[in-house]
């Protein structure tokens, strides 16, 4: 379930703060009924990217990925962002909470809680002034999302289930 309306509400709330002038939000996809324009925060629409290199560059130049879904099983965007060393701010629902270490590789906000999303932005600004968080994100992704390690985990789980 898409929680974009909560992201837009968060941007509106942040537009009344001291950090508003320093924010630039890149939005993938299309403008949704003018919501983006009316937030009071500078925004730029990024059309669909045509190759993996362009996506990698976008993640690498970004300070964070705002992932607006209320629930998702294991979104590849979060894994890709962390692999590029970019922290993620998202709602804690479904498998998302297993992909992000709260206040280490990103911020896990309570579902539909706009104030908690704003706290995530504040955490990002105060914590990401050096490369430490980016390094943690990259290391976490390597440790947890590597294809070979994932296959080994599935194999171990399969063997464990067969033994029961």
C-alpha atoms as a PDB file:
ATOM      1  CA  UNK A   1       0.000   0.000   0.000  1.00  0.00           C
ATOM      2  CA  UNK A   2       1.485   3.299  -1.120  1.00  0.00           C
ATOM      3  CA  UNK A   3       1.918   5.937   1.580  1.00  0.00           C
ATOM      4  CA  UNK A   4       2.849   8.831  -0.720  1.00  0.00           C
ATOM      5  CA  UNK A   5       0.275  11.110   0.870  1.00  0.00           C
ATOM      6  CA  UNK A   6       2.193  10.829   4.163  1.00  0.00           C
ATOM      7  CA  UNK A   7       5.443  11.768   2.425  1.00  0.00           C
ATOM      8  CA  UNK A   8       3.735  14.822   0.904  1.00  0.00           C
ATOM      9  CA  UNK A   9       2.324  15.785   4.307  1.00  0.00           C
ATOM     10  CA  UNK A  10       5.799  15.402   5.826  1.00  0.00           C
ATOM     11  CA  UNK A  11       7.243  17.708   3.158  1.00  0.00           C
ATOM     12  CA  UNK A  12       4.551  20.283   3.890  1.00  0.00           C
ATOM     13  CA  UNK A  13       5.422  20.177   7.596  1.00  0.00           C
ATOM     14  CA  UNK A  14       9.141  20.450   6.862  1.00  0.00           C
ATOM     15  CA  UNK A  15       8.505  23.462   4.612  1.00  0.00           C
ATOM     16  CA  UNK A  16       7.875  25.482   7.794  1.00  0.00           C
ATOM     17  CA  UNK A  17      11.249  24.620   9.333  1.00  0.00           C
ATOM     18  CA  UNK A  18      14.780  25.989   9.107  1.00  0.00           C
ATOM     19  CA  UNK A  19      15.907  23.100   6.926  1.00  0.00           C
ATOM     20  CA  UNK A  20      13.350  23.706   4.149  1.00  0.00           C
ATOM     21  CA  UNK A  21      15.646  25.812   1.994  1.00  0.00           C
ATOM     22  CA  UNK A  22      18.353  23.141   2.039  1.00  0.00           C
ATOM     23  CA  UNK A  23      16.085  20.310   0.879  1.00  0.00           C
ATOM     24  CA  UNK A  24      15.755  19.073  -2.683  1.00  0.00           C
ATOM     25  CA  UNK A  25      13.533  16.053  -3.163  1.00  0.00           C
ATOM     26  CA  UNK A  26      13.956  13.911  -6.256  1.00  0.00           C
ATOM     27  CA  UNK A  27      10.756  12.038  -7.076  1.00  0.00           C
ATOM     28  CA  UNK A  28      10.793   8.987  -9.313  1.00  0.00           C
ATOM     29  CA  UNK A  29       7.775   8.719 -11.572  1.00  0.00           C
ATOM     30  CA  UNK A  30       5.046  11.210 -12.366  1.00  0.00           C
ATOM     31  CA  UNK A  31       3.618  14.200 -10.510  1.00  0.00           C
ATOM     32  CA  UNK A  32       0.615  13.023  -8.506  1.00  0.00           C
ATOM     33  CA  UNK A  33      -2.201  15.562  -8.869  1.00  0.00           C
ATOM     34  CA  UNK A  34      -0.035  18.541  -7.933  1.00  0.00           C
ATOM     35  CA  UNK A  35       0.722  17.192  -4.446  1.00  0.00           C
ATOM     36  CA  UNK A  36       4.462  17.468  -5.010  1.00  0.00           C
ATOM     37  CA  UNK A  37       4.342  21.056  -6.235  1.00  0.00           C
ATOM     38  CA  UNK A  38       2.235  22.188  -3.285  1.00  0.00           C
ATOM     39  CA  UNK A  39       4.573  20.953  -0.540  1.00  0.00           C
ATOM     40  CA  UNK A  40       6.669  24.109  -0.315  1.00  0.00           C
ATOM     41  CA  UNK A  41       9.881  22.078  -0.760  1.00  0.00           C
ATOM     42  CA  UNK A  42      11.990  22.175  -3.923  1.00  0.00           C
ATOM     43  CA  UNK A  43      11.264  19.049  -5.929  1.00  0.00           C
ATOM     44  CA  UNK A  44      12.470  17.566  -9.176  1.00  0.00           C
ATOM     45  CA  UNK A  45      10.700  14.781 -11.051  1.00  0.00           C
ATOM     46  CA  UNK A  46      13.074  12.075 -12.276  1.00  0.00           C
ATOM     47  CA  UNK A  47      11.538  10.090 -15.113  1.00  0.00           C
ATOM     48  CA  UNK A  48      11.974   6.350 -15.308  1.00  0.00           C
ATOM     49  CA  UNK A  49      15.640   5.525 -15.470  1.00  0.00           C
ATOM     50  CA  UNK A  50      16.673   3.386 -18.401  1.00  0.00           C
ATOM     51  CA  UNK A  51      19.606   1.468 -16.956  1.00  0.00           C
ATOM     52  CA  UNK A  52      21.118   0.234 -13.714  1.00  0.00           C
ATOM     53  CA  UNK A  53      24.037   2.676 -13.918  1.00  0.00           C
ATOM     54  CA  UNK A  54      21.662   5.645 -13.830  1.00  0.00           C
ATOM     55  CA  UNK A  55      19.874   4.177 -10.800  1.00  0.00           C
ATOM     56  CA  UNK A  56      23.183   3.586  -9.037  1.00  0.00           C
ATOM     57  CA  UNK A  57      24.261   7.174  -9.691  1.00  0.00           C
ATOM     58  CA  UNK A  58      20.939   8.489  -8.359  1.00  0.00           C
ATOM     59  CA  UNK A  59      21.289   6.457  -5.139  1.00  0.00           C
ATOM     60  CA  UNK A  60      24.912   7.539  -4.714  1.00  0.00           C
ATOM     61  CA  UNK A  61      24.220  11.273  -5.038  1.00  0.00           C
ATOM     62  CA  UNK A  62      21.189  11.132  -2.740  1.00  0.00           C
ATOM     63  CA  UNK A  63      21.332  11.726   0.998  1.00  0.00           C
ATOM     64  CA  UNK A  64      18.495   9.254   1.608  1.00  0.00           C
ATOM     65  CA  UNK A  65      15.783   7.168   0.016  1.00  0.00           C
ATOM     66  CA  UNK A  66      12.270   7.985   1.214  1.00  0.00           C
ATOM     67  CA  UNK A  67      10.355   4.772   0.654  1.00  0.00           C
ATOM     68  CA  UNK A  68       6.627   5.628   0.861  1.00  0.00           C
ATOM     69  CA  UNK A  69       5.042   2.182   1.093  1.00  0.00           C
ATOM     70  CA  UNK A  70       3.219   1.226   4.266  1.00  0.00           C
ATOM     71  CA  UNK A  71       3.977  -2.465   3.727  1.00  0.00           C
ATOM     72  CA  UNK A  72       6.150  -4.402   1.336  1.00  0.00           C
ATOM     73  CA  UNK A  73       7.784  -7.815   1.486  1.00  0.00           C
ATOM     74  CA  UNK A  74      11.422  -7.110   0.557  1.00  0.00           C
ATOM     75  CA  UNK A  75      11.667  -4.163  -1.824  1.00  0.00           C
ATOM     76  CA  UNK A  76      14.710  -4.170  -4.081  1.00  0.00           C
ATOM     77  CA  UNK A  77      14.883  -0.366  -3.936  1.00  0.00           C
ATOM     78  CA  UNK A  78      15.808  -0.514  -0.260  1.00  0.00           C
ATOM     79  CA  UNK A  79      18.497  -3.134  -0.861  1.00  0.00           C
ATOM     80  CA  UNK A  80      19.877  -1.130  -3.811  1.00  0.00           C
ATOM     81  CA  UNK A  81      19.910   2.104  -1.818  1.00  0.00           C
ATOM     82  CA  UNK A  82      21.739   0.526   1.109  1.00  0.00           C
ATOM     83  CA  UNK A  83      24.187  -1.187  -1.268  1.00  0.00           C
ATOM     84  CA  UNK A  84      25.067   2.272  -2.582  1.00  0.00           C
ATOM     85  CA  UNK A  85      25.579   3.481   0.990  1.00  0.00           C
ATOM     86  CA  UNK A  86      22.403   5.546   1.055  1.00  0.00           C
ATOM     87  CA  UNK A  87      20.242   5.357   4.212  1.00  0.00           C
ATOM     88  CA  UNK A  88      16.502   4.717   3.936  1.00  0.00           C
ATOM     89  CA  UNK A  89      13.597   6.437   5.669  1.00  0.00           C
ATOM     90  CA  UNK A  90      10.503   4.254   5.531  1.00  0.00           C
ATOM     91  CA  UNK A  91       7.451   3.026   7.384  1.00  0.00           C
ATOM     92  CA  UNK A  92       8.030  -0.052   9.537  1.00  0.00           C
ATOM     93  CA  UNK A  93       5.689  -2.535   7.874  1.00  0.00           C
ATOM     94  CA  UNK A  94       5.987  -5.950   6.295  1.00  0.00           C
ATOM     95  CA  UNK A  95       9.539  -6.968   5.446  1.00  0.00           C
ATOM     96  CA  UNK A  96      10.772  -3.370   5.426  1.00  0.00           C
ATOM     97  CA  UNK A  97      11.592  -3.502   9.136  1.00  0.00           C
ATOM     98  CA  UNK A  98      13.917  -6.435   8.529  1.00  0.00           C
ATOM     99  CA  UNK A  99      15.850  -4.545   5.862  1.00  0.00           C
ATOM    100  CA  UNK A 100      16.641  -1.389   7.823  1.00  0.00           C
ATOM    101  CA  UNK A 101      18.437  -1.092  11.168  1.00  0.00           C
ATOM    102  CA  UNK A 102      16.675   1.786  12.908  1.00  0.00           C
ATOM    103  CA  UNK A 103      19.004   4.741  13.518  1.00  0.00           C
ATOM    104  CA  UNK A 104      21.892   2.820  11.977  1.00  0.00           C
ATOM    105  CA  UNK A 105      21.112   2.340   8.280  1.00  0.00           C
ATOM    106  CA  UNK A 106      17.974   4.442   8.222  1.00  0.00           C
ATOM    107  CA  UNK A 107      14.816   5.396  10.039  1.00  0.00           C
ATOM    108  CA  UNK A 108      11.775   3.183  10.590  1.00  0.00           C
ATOM    109  CA  UNK A 109       8.732   5.360  11.171  1.00  0.00           C
ATOM    110  CA  UNK A 110       5.493   4.155  12.699  1.00  0.00           C
ATOM    111  CA  UNK A 111       2.853   3.489  10.032  1.00  0.00           C
ATOM    112  CA  UNK A 112       1.061   6.636   8.855  1.00  0.00           C
ATOM    113  CA  UNK A 113       2.935   8.792  11.394  1.00  0.00           C
ATOM    114  CA  UNK A 114       4.016  11.990   9.645  1.00  0.00           C
ATOM    115  CA  UNK A 115       5.744  13.372  12.758  1.00  0.00           C
ATOM    116  CA  UNK A 116       7.838  10.217  12.954  1.00  0.00           C
ATOM    117  CA  UNK A 117       8.870  10.687   9.302  1.00  0.00           C
ATOM    118  CA  UNK A 118       9.956  14.246  10.184  1.00  0.00           C
ATOM    119  CA  UNK A 119      12.017  12.813  13.055  1.00  0.00           C
ATOM    120  CA  UNK A 120      13.659  10.567  10.474  1.00  0.00           C
ATOM    121  CA  UNK A 121      14.683  13.570   8.385  1.00  0.00           C
ATOM    122  CA  UNK A 122      16.072  15.255  11.500  1.00  0.00           C
ATOM    123  CA  UNK A 123      17.987  12.070  12.382  1.00  0.00           C
ATOM    124  CA  UNK A 124      19.375  11.992   8.865  1.00  0.00           C
ATOM    125  CA  UNK A 125      20.560  15.590   9.015  1.00  0.00           C
ATOM    126  CA  UNK A 126      22.187  15.176  12.420  1.00  0.00           C
ATOM    127  CA  UNK A 127      23.697  11.725  11.794  1.00  0.00           C
ATOM    128  CA  UNK A 128      24.833  11.826   8.213  1.00  0.00           C
ATOM    129  CA  UNK A 129      27.347  14.647   8.330  1.00  0.00           C
ATOM    130  CA  UNK A 130      30.141  12.164   7.770  1.00  0.00           C
ATOM    131  CA  UNK A 131      30.543   8.930   5.868  1.00  0.00           C
ATOM    132  CA  UNK A 132      29.996   6.703   8.919  1.00  0.00           C
ATOM    133  CA  UNK A 133      26.278   6.058   8.231  1.00  0.00           C
ATOM    134  CA  UNK A 134      26.947   5.517   4.528  1.00  0.00           C
ATOM    135  CA  UNK A 135      29.629   2.963   5.412  1.00  0.00           C
ATOM    136  CA  UNK A 136      27.237   1.208   7.806  1.00  0.00           C
ATOM    137  CA  UNK A 137      24.594   1.044   5.073  1.00  0.00           C
ATOM    138  CA  UNK A 138      27.023  -0.439   2.569  1.00  0.00           C
ATOM    139  CA  UNK A 139      28.402  -2.992   5.044  1.00  0.00           C
ATOM    140  CA  UNK A 140      24.887  -3.996   6.148  1.00  0.00           C
ATOM    141  CA  UNK A 141      23.855  -4.544   2.515  1.00  0.00           C
ATOM    142  CA  UNK A 142      26.916  -6.654   1.762  1.00  0.00           C
ATOM    143  CA  UNK A 143      26.348  -8.745   4.885  1.00  0.00           C
ATOM    144  CA  UNK A 144      22.595  -9.227   4.425  1.00  0.00           C
ATOM    145  CA  UNK A 145      21.719  -8.974   0.736  1.00  0.00           C
ATOM    146  CA  UNK A 146      24.550 -10.825  -0.971  1.00  0.00           C
ATOM    147  CA  UNK A 147      23.033 -13.407  -3.351  1.00  0.00           C
ATOM    148  CA  UNK A 148      25.292 -16.254  -2.248  1.00  0.00           C
ATOM    149  CA  UNK A 149      24.634 -15.582   1.444  1.00  0.00           C
ATOM    150  CA  UNK A 150      20.886 -15.388   0.756  1.00  0.00           C
ATOM    151  CA  UNK A 151      20.998 -18.733  -1.067  1.00  0.00           C
ATOM    152  CA  UNK A 152      22.876 -20.279   1.869  1.00  0.00           C
ATOM    153  CA  UNK A 153      20.276 -18.963   4.317  1.00  0.00           C
ATOM    154  CA  UNK A 154      17.448 -20.421   2.223  1.00  0.00           C
ATOM    155  CA  UNK A 155      19.290 -23.746   1.998  1.00  0.00           C
ATOM    156  CA  UNK A 156      19.778 -23.836   5.783  1.00  0.00           C
ATOM    157  CA  UNK A 157      16.112 -23.014   6.365  1.00  0.00           C
ATOM    158  CA  UNK A 158      15.049 -25.688   3.891  1.00  0.00           C
ATOM    159  CA  UNK A 159      17.232 -28.297   5.621  1.00  0.00           C
ATOM    160  CA  UNK A 160      15.884 -27.221   9.014  1.00  0.00           C
ATOM    161  CA  UNK A 161      12.286 -27.596   7.834  1.00  0.00           C
ATOM    162  CA  UNK A 162      13.003 -31.004   6.333  1.00  0.00           C
ATOM    163  CA  UNK A 163      14.501 -32.197   9.608  1.00  0.00           C
ATOM    164  CA  UNK A 164      11.250 -31.495  11.496  1.00  0.00           C
END
